[in-house]
Protein backbone atom coordinates (compact mmCIF):
# COMPACT_ATOMS: atom_id res chain seq x y z
CA MET A 1 -15.42 26.56 -256.90
CA ARG A 2 -14.84 26.41 -253.20
CA GLY A 3 -13.22 29.36 -251.43
CA GLY A 4 -9.82 27.67 -251.25
CA ASP A 5 -9.63 26.25 -254.80
CA ILE A 6 -7.54 29.07 -256.23
CA TRP A 7 -5.33 29.25 -253.15
CA PHE A 8 -4.76 25.47 -253.36
CA ALA A 9 -4.07 25.58 -257.12
CA ALA A 10 -1.59 28.44 -256.63
CA SER A 11 0.15 26.58 -253.78
CA GLU A 12 0.48 23.42 -255.88
CA LEU A 13 1.81 25.41 -258.82
CA LEU A 14 4.48 27.00 -256.64
CA LYS A 15 5.46 23.61 -255.21
CA SER A 16 5.73 21.99 -258.64
CA GLY A 17 7.61 24.88 -260.25
CA GLY A 18 5.05 24.98 -263.06
CA THR A 19 4.20 27.81 -265.42
CA ALA A 20 1.20 30.13 -265.38
CA GLU A 21 -2.28 28.62 -265.53
CA TYR A 22 -5.60 30.09 -266.59
CA ARG A 23 -8.68 28.93 -264.68
CA GLU A 24 -12.34 29.67 -265.27
CA TYR A 25 -15.00 28.94 -262.67
CA GLN A 26 -18.74 28.89 -263.25
CA LEU A 27 -20.47 29.90 -260.04
CA ASN A 28 -23.91 28.33 -260.22
CA GLU A 29 -26.63 28.94 -257.64
CA ASP A 30 -25.80 25.78 -255.67
CA LEU A 31 -22.11 26.72 -255.29
CA ALA A 32 -23.02 30.32 -254.51
CA ALA A 33 -25.44 29.25 -251.78
CA GLU A 34 -23.01 26.68 -250.37
CA ASP A 35 -20.19 29.22 -250.01
CA GLY A 36 -22.44 32.10 -248.94
CA LEU A 37 -21.87 34.01 -252.18
CA VAL A 38 -24.65 36.19 -253.44
CA CYS A 39 -23.96 36.64 -257.13
CA GLY A 40 -22.97 33.54 -259.07
CA GLY A 41 -21.58 34.18 -262.58
CA THR A 42 -18.14 33.36 -263.94
CA MET A 43 -14.78 34.14 -262.40
CA PHE A 44 -11.51 34.10 -264.36
CA PHE A 45 -8.07 33.65 -262.81
CA LEU A 46 -4.55 33.82 -264.14
CA ILE A 47 -2.39 32.03 -261.61
CA ASP A 48 0.99 33.48 -262.44
CA PRO A 49 3.88 32.41 -260.20
CA VAL A 50 6.94 34.55 -259.58
CA TYR A 51 9.83 32.32 -258.56
CA GLU A 52 12.74 34.75 -258.50
CA PRO A 53 12.71 38.45 -257.50
CA GLY A 54 14.51 39.36 -260.72
CA GLU A 55 11.52 38.14 -262.74
CA TYR A 56 9.39 41.04 -261.56
CA LEU A 57 11.31 43.39 -259.27
CA ASP A 58 12.52 45.79 -261.99
CA PHE A 59 8.98 46.09 -263.36
CA ALA A 60 7.61 46.64 -259.86
CA LYS A 61 10.06 49.50 -259.34
CA GLU A 62 8.99 51.15 -262.60
CA ILE A 63 5.33 50.68 -261.65
CA GLU A 64 6.00 52.34 -258.30
CA ASP A 65 7.76 55.19 -260.11
CA ALA A 66 4.72 55.61 -262.37
CA TYR A 67 2.49 55.95 -259.29
CA THR A 68 4.74 58.61 -257.80
CA GLY A 69 5.12 60.95 -260.76
CA GLY A 70 7.29 59.00 -263.20
CA SER A 71 6.39 58.06 -266.75
CA PRO A 72 3.41 55.74 -267.18
CA VAL A 73 4.00 52.06 -267.93
CA ALA A 74 1.89 49.01 -268.75
CA LEU A 75 2.14 45.25 -268.35
CA ALA A 76 0.41 42.92 -270.82
CA SER A 77 -0.12 39.27 -269.81
CA LEU A 78 -1.20 36.56 -272.23
CA ILE A 79 -4.24 34.60 -271.11
CA ARG A 80 -4.74 32.44 -274.20
CA GLY A 81 -2.86 32.17 -277.50
CA GLY A 82 -4.81 32.54 -280.73
CA SER A 83 -5.20 29.99 -283.49
CA GLY A 84 -1.82 28.67 -284.56
CA SER A 85 0.00 30.67 -281.89
CA PRO A 86 2.94 29.06 -280.08
CA ALA A 87 2.50 31.62 -277.27
CA THR A 88 2.71 30.53 -273.64
CA ILE A 89 0.00 31.36 -271.12
CA GLY A 90 1.40 34.00 -268.80
CA ALA A 91 3.82 35.43 -271.39
CA LYS A 92 4.46 39.08 -270.52
CA MET A 93 5.36 42.27 -272.27
CA PHE A 94 6.30 45.35 -270.24
CA ILE A 95 5.61 48.56 -272.15
CA ARG A 96 7.11 51.95 -271.35
CA HIS A 97 5.76 55.36 -272.29
CA ASP A 98 8.74 55.94 -274.60
CA GLY A 99 7.79 52.87 -276.67
CA SER A 100 10.51 50.57 -275.37
CA THR A 101 9.43 47.09 -274.31
CA VAL A 102 10.69 44.04 -272.45
CA GLY A 103 9.35 40.59 -273.30
CA SER A 104 6.76 39.43 -275.82
CA LEU A 105 3.28 37.94 -275.91
CA GLY A 106 4.54 35.48 -278.51
CA SER A 107 4.01 37.15 -281.88
CA PRO A 108 4.61 40.53 -283.50
CA GLU A 109 0.86 40.93 -284.10
CA LEU A 110 0.02 40.40 -280.43
CA ASP A 111 2.86 42.67 -279.34
CA ASP A 112 1.68 45.46 -281.67
CA SER A 113 -1.89 45.06 -280.45
CA ALA A 114 -0.81 45.17 -276.80
CA MET A 115 1.31 48.27 -277.39
CA GLU A 116 -1.60 50.07 -279.04
CA GLU A 117 -3.93 49.20 -276.17
CA ALA A 118 -1.29 50.10 -273.57
CA PHE A 119 -0.74 53.59 -274.96
CA GLU A 120 -4.48 54.29 -274.78
CA LEU A 121 -4.73 52.94 -271.22
CA MET A 122 -1.57 54.60 -269.83
CA VAL A 123 -3.12 58.06 -269.90
CA HIS A 124 -5.58 57.15 -267.15
CA GLY A 125 -3.94 54.11 -265.57
CA LYS A 126 -6.77 51.80 -266.68
CA ASN A 127 -6.90 48.06 -267.39
CA LYS A 128 -8.43 46.11 -270.26
CA TYR A 129 -9.13 42.52 -271.20
CA VAL A 130 -8.59 42.09 -274.96
CA VAL A 131 -9.76 39.34 -277.30
CA THR A 132 -8.14 39.54 -280.75
CA GLY A 133 -9.55 38.42 -284.09
CA SER A 134 -7.35 35.30 -283.96
CA GLY A 135 -8.85 34.30 -280.61
CA ALA A 136 -5.83 35.30 -278.51
CA GLU A 137 -6.68 36.86 -275.16
CA TYR A 138 -4.54 39.14 -273.03
CA PHE A 139 -4.88 41.56 -270.15
CA VAL A 140 -3.20 44.97 -270.06
CA GLU A 141 -2.63 46.78 -266.76
CA ALA A 142 -1.53 50.40 -267.14
CA TYR A 143 -0.02 52.43 -264.32
CA THR A 144 0.29 56.18 -263.93
CA THR A 145 0.18 58.79 -261.20
CA PRO A 146 -3.44 59.10 -260.11
CA PRO A 147 -4.87 62.59 -260.50
CA GLN A 148 -4.97 64.56 -257.28
CA LEU A 149 -7.55 66.97 -255.97
CA VAL A 150 -6.86 69.35 -253.09
CA LEU A 151 -10.01 70.74 -251.54
CA CYS A 152 -9.54 73.87 -249.46
CA GLY A 153 -12.08 73.84 -246.70
CA GLY A 154 -13.78 70.86 -245.07
CA GLY A 155 -17.35 72.16 -245.18
CA HIS A 156 -20.45 70.90 -246.93
CA VAL A 157 -19.16 71.51 -250.48
CA SER A 158 -15.97 69.50 -249.92
CA LYS A 159 -17.96 66.83 -248.10
CA SER A 160 -20.03 66.36 -251.27
CA ILE A 161 -17.17 66.62 -253.77
CA ALA A 162 -14.64 64.35 -251.98
CA PRO A 163 -16.53 61.01 -252.30
CA LEU A 164 -17.38 61.72 -255.93
CA ALA A 165 -13.75 62.58 -256.76
CA LYS A 166 -12.54 59.44 -254.97
CA THR A 167 -14.96 57.31 -256.99
CA LEU A 168 -13.54 58.88 -260.17
CA GLY A 169 -10.01 57.79 -259.19
CA PHE A 170 -8.64 60.99 -257.65
CA ARG A 171 -6.38 61.07 -254.62
CA VAL A 172 -8.29 63.49 -252.46
CA PHE A 173 -6.73 65.85 -249.92
CA VAL A 174 -8.82 68.18 -247.79
CA THR A 175 -7.17 71.01 -245.93
CA ASP A 176 -8.86 73.16 -243.33
CA ASP A 177 -7.41 75.11 -240.41
CA ARG A 178 -10.62 74.80 -238.36
CA GLN A 179 -10.30 72.24 -235.55
CA GLU A 180 -13.81 70.82 -236.04
CA PHE A 181 -12.97 69.87 -239.64
CA ALA A 182 -9.48 68.50 -238.96
CA LYS A 183 -10.55 64.83 -238.92
CA ARG A 184 -11.27 62.00 -241.36
């Protein structure tokens, strides 16, 4: 994979009006060295075009609401249909905390599986790649308000706690009325 392969594939997909595509790239040592990459491995991409604002705008608003104190939500996207599945790559199911949904991954079994995963992930706003027994693959992205931590005092204790809390996913706020600590 060259650096622009995914960008080019996405551009071509948008031009052609095509549907979502799944791409897998093996990054061997030669490619990694050629592009200045240090790791190699495999990269997976779901190129998922949005052609009209109405296709995603309502979900985006609910996701934003989840980040700012509203009910958690999740979005499941189909990567690969299982054996005998008529499902379409890129099929989506939006899942709300109250159990209501919009869309489908293509079968009641996949939808039930995605809902179960979504409810577990919503609590912490986590994501998960799922491979089912039938070979279907989907990705669930859950959104919720990140936990917040307010540290009173910008001294050595807060200086140690803040980076740890940020790594754990907290929004960190430090308050201190001393001028020497009133900085990033």
